[in-house]
Amino acid sequence: MKDLFEKLYQKKFEDFVLLLEKNLKEDKKAFIVTANPETFMIAEKEAEFAKLILDKETIIVPDGVGIVKAAHILHYPVVERITGIDLSWELLRMGNENKKSIYLLGASEEVKEKMVDKIRNDYPDLTLKGAVNGFGQNKDEEFDKIKEAKPDIILVALGIPAQEKLIYKHLKDFDKGIFIGVGGSFDVISGTKKRAPKVFQKFGIEWLYRLIKEPKRIKRFYNSNVKFIFKVKKMKRVR
């Protein structure tokens, strides 16, 4: 897990946004993985997932507060969280301001349609090249359509690790594009679900809000976050 921490982006959120905007304006390619404890735990178990995260072309940003705190415990100078939902909002903004294009893949049909309406109403200068829900059987075929469309921004909301694996599988076929797996961000952006209140965001406990709203997540939380804590404590002793 040490190599994952060493690869984490360490600067401020606004610095990363500037980097993304520069790539967008210059038609460069970027693949962003927003990491929380679950991301690192999956990488520990799955060699395929670890490979894509550690690829030199992949940028890992610290999405979860658990990642930031663990980095500090292990003396890695990570400054702050860079969340997938906040990056999604920024990509919509900068895409609109720079008259770029976007492709959406994932979520339910209802949420996807609300995302389409949101973009058309609030981001009129952002060209929507395509939008498909996440329930299609052949997502490789869908990526063939994305290749033909050549969008500047590609948001994939299929959940971890499926979204990252799909992006990475096809990444070599693109010359440009900002690729990012955004999990449940479409739900929030579309207005289908509310984001955790500001106080939860301020103290980095959005995970607690999600557990309150969705108690079924408790087992998943234990298998990722709790086990992650023990892993980090063990790493600290070794250091």
Foldseek 3Di string as FASTA:
>chain_A
DVLLLVQEDADDQVVVLVVLLVQLVVQAAAEEEADDLQLVLVVVVDVLSVVLCNPPRYYYYHAAPLSVVLSVLVPNNRPDHHHLLVVVVSCLVSLLVSLFEEEEEEDDPVLQVLLVVLCVVPRVSYHYLYTYYHPDDDVLVVVVSCLVSQGAEYEHAPDPPVQVSSCSVCVVSHRGHYYYYRHCSSCPSSVVDPQPDPVCVVVRNSVVVVCVVPVVCVVVCCSGVVVSVVVSVVVSVVD
